[in-house]
Amino acid sequence: MSTWATDALWLGPHICTRLREQVPELREVFVLDDLVPGQNDPKHDPAAVVLLDSLVPPGSDPLQSQALAEQGWLVLLAVRSVRKDGDRNRQLLGPLVTQTVRAMQGWCPPGSKRAFTWRRGPRPDYGKDISYFPLLFNIQMVAA
């Protein structure tokens, strides 16, 4: 039985661990559920928030004993944008984007036989207080 078969969201904590190890510049890394209810922004920056973005179910071929499901995991890089240095977002986010892609692209997490691939994600949100730069990574899992 696959790890996915017992917990569809098992990858979230593994992604957090990977980012903590590979991108030490991040001051906080957590799954969305780790945020305090009512507080949507991390306390320290730069930070990364990990959450499941999509789950594409397998096709319905009754002759298949195993089916692959594809998951899209979003890594939101967060940087406070209320500093006097107007170029701070680029200075922090530029290297963090590169390091995060390097950490995730091609990484095969424990318990998986497939690796993550970097995909086109949502547009960045350059907010008044915090800017979020989303990176999307997909992976296929054995679903049944």
Protein backbone atom coordinates (compact mmCIF):
# COMPACT_ATOMS: atom_id res chain seq x y z
CA MET A 1 0.00 0.00 0.00
CA SER A 2 1.30 3.44 -0.91
CA THR A 3 1.83 6.23 1.60
CA TRP A 4 -0.73 8.24 -0.35
CA ALA A 5 -3.34 5.53 0.24
CA THR A 6 -3.21 6.18 4.00
CA ASP A 7 -2.75 9.99 3.99
CA ALA A 8 -3.30 12.10 0.87
CA LEU A 9 -1.55 15.10 2.46
CA TRP A 10 1.52 13.29 3.78
CA LEU A 11 3.90 15.26 1.56
CA GLY A 12 3.35 18.65 3.24
CA PRO A 13 5.67 18.06 6.23
CA HIS A 14 8.28 16.42 3.97
CA ILE A 15 8.33 19.47 1.71
CA CYS A 16 8.80 21.70 4.77
CA THR A 17 11.73 19.60 5.96
CA ARG A 18 13.30 19.68 2.50
CA LEU A 19 13.01 23.47 2.28
CA ARG A 20 14.43 23.96 5.80
CA GLU A 21 17.45 21.85 4.84
CA GLN A 22 18.02 23.22 1.33
CA VAL A 23 17.03 26.89 1.73
CA PRO A 24 18.44 27.98 5.11
CA GLU A 25 17.72 31.66 4.34
CA LEU A 26 14.04 30.96 5.05
CA ARG A 27 13.29 31.99 8.65
CA GLU A 28 10.00 30.07 8.77
CA VAL A 29 8.71 27.12 6.76
CA PHE A 30 5.36 25.53 7.53
CA VAL A 31 2.24 24.00 6.07
CA LEU A 32 -0.78 26.26 5.94
CA ASP A 33 -2.43 24.43 8.85
CA ASP A 34 0.45 25.49 11.12
CA LEU A 35 -0.59 29.15 10.95
CA VAL A 36 -2.49 30.49 13.94
CA PRO A 37 -6.21 30.64 13.07
CA GLY A 38 -7.12 34.13 11.92
CA GLN A 39 -3.51 35.00 11.11
CA ASN A 40 -2.78 34.40 7.45
CA ASP A 41 0.72 35.86 7.35
CA PRO A 42 3.96 34.44 8.76
CA LYS A 43 5.50 36.35 11.67
CA HIS A 44 9.06 36.26 10.33
CA ASP A 45 10.33 36.67 6.82
CA PRO A 46 11.47 35.48 4.47
CA ALA A 47 9.16 32.52 4.92
CA ALA A 48 7.57 29.70 2.95
CA VAL A 49 4.03 28.43 3.32
CA VAL A 50 3.34 24.98 1.82
CA LEU A 51 -0.14 23.87 0.79
CA LEU A 52 -1.86 21.44 -1.52
CA ASP A 53 -3.04 23.34 -4.58
CA SER A 54 -4.63 20.60 -6.67
CA LEU A 55 -5.42 16.93 -6.74
CA VAL A 56 -6.16 15.39 -10.11
CA PRO A 57 -7.82 12.00 -9.71
CA PRO A 58 -6.76 9.06 -11.81
CA GLY A 59 -8.68 7.89 -14.83
CA SER A 60 -11.33 5.26 -14.28
CA ASP A 61 -9.90 2.16 -15.90
CA PRO A 62 -11.34 -0.81 -13.94
CA LEU A 63 -8.64 -3.12 -15.36
CA GLN A 64 -5.88 -1.16 -13.64
CA SER A 65 -4.92 -2.38 -10.19
CA GLN A 66 -2.94 0.80 -9.52
CA ALA A 67 -3.79 4.33 -10.55
CA LEU A 68 -1.72 7.49 -10.50
CA ALA A 69 -3.07 10.72 -9.07
CA GLU A 70 -1.27 14.00 -9.61
CA GLN A 71 -0.85 16.49 -6.80
CA GLY A 72 0.14 20.12 -7.17
CA TRP A 73 1.93 21.57 -4.14
CA LEU A 74 2.24 25.32 -3.80
CA VAL A 75 5.22 26.88 -2.06
CA LEU A 76 4.38 30.50 -1.24
CA LEU A 77 7.52 32.51 -0.62
CA ALA A 78 6.66 35.47 1.62
CA VAL A 79 8.63 38.67 2.12
CA ARG A 80 7.54 41.76 4.05
CA SER A 81 7.32 44.69 1.68
CA VAL A 82 6.97 47.55 4.17
CA ARG A 83 10.63 48.52 4.30
CA LYS A 84 12.31 51.69 3.06
CA ASP A 85 14.42 49.68 0.62
CA GLY A 86 12.17 49.58 -2.44
CA ASP A 87 14.19 46.81 -4.06
CA ARG A 88 13.95 44.45 -1.07
CA ASN A 89 11.48 42.08 -2.73
CA ARG A 90 13.80 41.42 -5.64
CA GLN A 91 16.87 41.20 -3.43
CA LEU A 92 15.28 38.53 -1.22
CA LEU A 93 12.89 36.77 -3.59
CA GLY A 94 15.26 36.44 -6.54
CA PRO A 95 17.70 34.10 -4.78
CA LEU A 96 14.92 32.34 -2.82
CA VAL A 97 13.06 31.46 -6.01
CA THR A 98 16.21 29.95 -7.51
CA GLN A 99 17.07 27.99 -4.35
CA THR A 100 13.50 26.72 -3.90
CA VAL A 101 13.28 25.50 -7.49
CA ARG A 102 16.66 23.81 -7.11
CA ALA A 103 15.50 22.12 -3.88
CA MET A 104 12.22 20.83 -5.31
CA GLN A 105 12.77 20.14 -9.04
CA GLY A 106 13.68 16.48 -9.47
CA TRP A 107 13.49 15.72 -5.74
CA CYS A 108 12.01 12.32 -4.99
CA PRO A 109 10.59 12.47 -1.45
CA PRO A 110 10.85 9.49 0.90
CA GLY A 111 8.06 7.00 0.23
CA SER A 112 7.67 8.11 -3.39
CA LYS A 113 8.94 6.60 -6.61
CA ARG A 114 8.39 9.80 -8.58
CA ALA A 115 9.98 13.23 -8.38
CA PHE A 116 8.59 16.74 -8.28
CA THR A 117 8.45 18.85 -11.42
CA TRP A 118 8.22 22.62 -11.50
CA ARG A 119 5.07 23.89 -13.21
CA ARG A 120 3.51 27.20 -14.09
CA GLY A 121 1.84 28.58 -10.98
CA PRO A 122 -0.34 31.52 -10.03
CA ARG A 123 0.80 35.10 -10.39
CA PRO A 124 2.75 36.76 -7.56
CA ASP A 125 0.79 38.91 -5.12
CA TYR A 126 2.73 42.07 -4.37
CA GLY A 127 0.76 43.18 -1.33
CA LYS A 128 0.99 46.33 0.71
CA ASP A 129 2.53 44.56 3.71
CA ILE A 130 3.67 41.15 2.44
CA SER A 131 4.50 39.98 -1.05
CA TYR A 132 3.82 36.35 -1.94
CA PHE A 133 5.63 34.60 -4.75
CA PRO A 134 3.96 31.25 -5.52
CA LEU A 135 5.88 28.32 -6.96
CA LEU A 136 3.97 25.21 -8.07
CA PHE A 137 5.44 21.71 -8.07
CA ASN A 138 3.60 18.62 -9.29
CA ILE A 139 4.14 15.00 -8.41
CA GLN A 140 2.40 11.77 -9.33
CA MET A 141 1.39 9.32 -6.62
CA VAL A 142 0.06 5.78 -6.62
CA ALA A 143 -3.50 6.41 -5.52
CA ALA A 144 -4.91 2.89 -5.27
